[in-house]
């Protein structure tokens, strides 16, 4: 998973319980051992490592559990919108801290095609937008999820409390 509003990217790698965050602009990375289950690893990243990325909620098997809380208001905004050449339904989720808009493909494979997250409490109401392309048969090897540090990259580690720790 990648995302960053500056020149570089912030990338999150998860492979066999190893979590790595890489920040390309400064060529820094940090690694920690965590749970092998992807959902438990996301919780570990949030709770123990204090790592947050805009698309993390979309990794869960049921993203709606993490996107929609009791205090959220859900609205269906349009009959249809075109995103990436696909007819999509637009859904808005209003919450106390963020607003989320999701465009979901119509039809037998209702993939999310676009998501926009707007923070209400940060200066200028920062927005994160991602357009998603789906390949249900990608044909790549598992090592694509392993982090390979680029030349000159510096391991800055996580806080000492979690360095080398795991669940």
Protein backbone atom coordinates (compact mmCIF):
# COMPACT_ATOMS: atom_id res chain seq x y z
CA UNK A 1 0.00 0.00 0.00
CA UNK A 2 1.40 3.42 -0.93
CA UNK A 3 0.36 6.97 -0.36
CA UNK A 4 1.93 10.32 0.38
CA UNK A 5 1.02 13.89 -0.45
CA UNK A 6 4.60 15.06 -0.96
CA UNK A 7 7.22 14.27 -3.56
CA UNK A 8 7.90 10.78 -2.24
CA UNK A 9 5.75 7.87 -1.22
CA UNK A 10 5.03 6.14 2.04
CA UNK A 11 4.80 2.41 1.47
CA UNK A 12 3.54 -0.29 3.80
CA UNK A 13 4.73 -3.89 3.35
CA UNK A 14 3.36 -6.96 5.10
CA UNK A 15 4.87 -10.40 4.57
CA UNK A 16 4.72 -13.42 6.85
CA UNK A 17 4.23 -11.28 9.97
CA UNK A 18 6.90 -8.71 9.13
CA UNK A 19 5.60 -5.14 8.88
CA UNK A 20 7.71 -2.51 7.12
CA UNK A 21 7.01 1.16 6.49
CA UNK A 22 9.21 2.88 3.90
CA UNK A 23 9.30 6.63 3.28
CA UNK A 24 10.95 7.26 -0.08
CA UNK A 25 11.48 11.01 0.15
CA UNK A 26 14.03 10.59 2.97
CA UNK A 27 14.92 6.95 2.17
CA UNK A 28 13.97 5.78 5.70
CA UNK A 29 12.29 2.56 6.76
CA UNK A 30 11.24 0.76 9.93
CA UNK A 31 10.46 -2.92 10.47
CA UNK A 32 8.68 -4.87 13.20
CA UNK A 33 7.57 -8.46 13.70
CA UNK A 34 3.84 -8.73 14.19
CA UNK A 35 0.92 -11.11 13.76
CA UNK A 36 0.78 -13.23 10.59
CA UNK A 37 -2.94 -12.60 10.01
CA UNK A 38 -3.48 -9.45 7.90
CA UNK A 39 -6.32 -8.08 10.04
CA UNK A 40 -4.43 -8.65 13.29
CA UNK A 41 -1.37 -7.07 11.67
CA UNK A 42 -3.37 -3.93 10.78
CA UNK A 43 -4.57 -3.65 14.38
CA UNK A 44 -0.99 -4.12 15.60
CA UNK A 45 0.24 -1.42 13.19
CA UNK A 46 -2.40 1.02 14.44
CA UNK A 47 -2.34 0.22 18.17
CA UNK A 48 1.30 -0.71 18.82
CA UNK A 49 3.32 0.97 16.07
CA UNK A 50 1.12 4.08 15.66
CA UNK A 51 1.17 3.59 11.87
CA UNK A 52 -1.82 4.95 10.01
CA UNK A 53 -2.39 5.07 6.26
CA UNK A 54 -5.47 6.32 4.40
CA UNK A 55 -6.42 2.99 2.79
CA UNK A 56 -5.89 0.67 5.77
CA UNK A 57 -9.62 0.24 6.34
CA UNK A 58 -9.99 -1.24 2.85
CA UNK A 59 -7.73 -4.19 3.70
CA UNK A 60 -10.11 -5.76 6.20
CA UNK A 61 -12.32 -8.63 5.06
CA UNK A 62 -15.34 -6.48 5.95
CA UNK A 63 -14.21 -2.89 5.47
CA UNK A 64 -17.65 -1.57 6.43
CA UNK A 65 -17.04 -2.54 10.08
CA UNK A 66 -14.10 -0.14 10.17
CA UNK A 67 -15.54 2.59 7.94
CA UNK A 68 -18.99 2.85 9.51
CA UNK A 69 -19.63 3.51 13.20
CA UNK A 70 -22.79 4.15 15.17
CA UNK A 71 -22.35 7.91 14.88
CA UNK A 72 -21.91 7.83 11.08
CA UNK A 73 -24.54 8.87 8.56
CA UNK A 74 -24.65 6.98 5.26
CA UNK A 75 -26.10 8.51 2.09
CA UNK A 76 -26.55 7.22 -1.44
CA UNK A 77 -25.56 10.25 -3.53
CA UNK A 78 -26.09 9.46 -7.20
CA UNK A 79 -27.97 7.07 -9.39
CA UNK A 80 -24.74 6.34 -11.32
CA UNK A 81 -21.37 7.90 -11.94
CA UNK A 82 -18.58 6.83 -14.31
CA UNK A 83 -15.23 5.98 -12.71
CA UNK A 84 -12.51 4.39 -14.80
CA UNK A 85 -15.01 3.59 -17.54
CA UNK A 86 -17.30 1.70 -15.14
CA UNK A 87 -20.80 2.60 -13.94
CA UNK A 88 -20.62 3.15 -10.19
CA UNK A 89 -22.88 3.98 -7.28
CA UNK A 90 -21.64 6.81 -5.05
CA UNK A 91 -21.96 6.40 -1.30
CA UNK A 92 -21.07 9.00 1.34
CA UNK A 93 -20.25 8.23 4.96
CA UNK A 94 -20.25 11.24 7.29
CA UNK A 95 -18.52 10.82 10.61
CA UNK A 96 -17.45 13.05 13.46
CA UNK A 97 -13.80 13.25 12.32
CA UNK A 98 -13.79 12.27 8.65
CA UNK A 99 -16.07 12.04 5.66
CA UNK A 100 -15.65 9.20 3.18
CA UNK A 101 -17.03 8.94 -0.33
CA UNK A 102 -16.85 5.59 -2.13
CA UNK A 103 -17.74 4.83 -5.73
CA UNK A 104 -18.70 1.13 -6.04
CA UNK A 105 -18.90 -0.63 -9.40
CA UNK A 106 -22.34 -1.75 -10.47
CA UNK A 107 -22.88 -5.39 -11.40
CA UNK A 108 -21.69 -8.85 -10.38
CA UNK A 109 -18.31 -7.65 -9.07
CA UNK A 110 -19.04 -4.60 -6.89
CA UNK A 111 -15.44 -3.47 -6.48
CA UNK A 112 -14.75 -0.06 -4.96
CA UNK A 113 -13.37 2.04 -7.82
CA UNK A 114 -12.66 5.32 -6.06
CA UNK A 115 -12.46 6.55 -2.49
CA UNK A 116 -12.09 10.07 -1.13
CA UNK A 117 -11.36 10.73 2.54
CA UNK A 118 -11.74 14.24 3.96
CA UNK A 119 -10.46 15.07 7.44
CA UNK A 120 -12.56 17.65 9.26
CA UNK A 121 -10.06 18.66 11.92
CA UNK A 122 -6.78 19.15 10.07
CA UNK A 123 -5.99 22.54 8.53
CA UNK A 124 -7.47 23.03 5.08
CA UNK A 125 -9.56 19.85 5.33
CA UNK A 126 -6.95 17.57 3.74
CA UNK A 127 -8.24 15.10 1.24
CA UNK A 128 -6.95 11.76 0.14
CA UNK A 129 -8.23 10.32 -3.12
CA UNK A 130 -7.45 6.93 -4.61
CA UNK A 131 -8.64 5.44 -7.87
CA UNK A 132 -8.56 1.65 -7.79
CA UNK A 133 -7.99 -0.78 -10.63
CA UNK A 134 -8.67 -4.43 -9.90
CA UNK A 135 -6.97 -7.51 -11.28
CA UNK A 136 -8.50 -10.65 -9.78
CA UNK A 137 -5.82 -12.89 -11.31
CA UNK A 138 -2.60 -10.85 -11.05
CA UNK A 139 -0.05 -13.63 -11.53
CA UNK A 140 2.80 -12.27 -9.38
CA UNK A 141 5.00 -14.03 -6.86
CA UNK A 142 4.58 -13.72 -3.09
CA UNK A 143 7.93 -11.91 -2.75
CA UNK A 144 6.31 -8.74 -4.12
CA UNK A 145 5.12 -8.22 -0.52
CA UNK A 146 8.64 -8.44 0.91
CA UNK A 147 10.45 -5.16 1.47
CA UNK A 148 13.85 -4.89 -0.16
CA UNK A 149 15.63 -1.80 1.11
CA UNK A 150 16.90 0.44 -1.72
CA UNK A 151 20.56 1.44 -1.80
CA UNK A 152 21.37 3.91 0.95
CA UNK A 153 18.08 3.40 2.82
CA UNK A 154 18.37 3.87 6.58
CA UNK A 155 16.55 1.67 9.13
CA UNK A 156 15.22 4.19 11.64
CA UNK A 157 13.27 1.56 13.56
CA UNK A 158 10.08 1.94 15.52
CA UNK A 159 9.89 3.01 19.16
CA UNK A 160 11.98 0.81 21.49
CA UNK A 161 8.81 -0.50 23.14
CA UNK A 162 7.87 -2.41 19.98
CA UNK A 163 11.25 -3.02 18.32
CA UNK A 164 11.48 -6.71 17.63
CA UNK A 165 8.26 -7.34 19.52
CA UNK A 166 5.26 -9.15 18.21
CA UNK A 167 2.06 -10.83 19.16
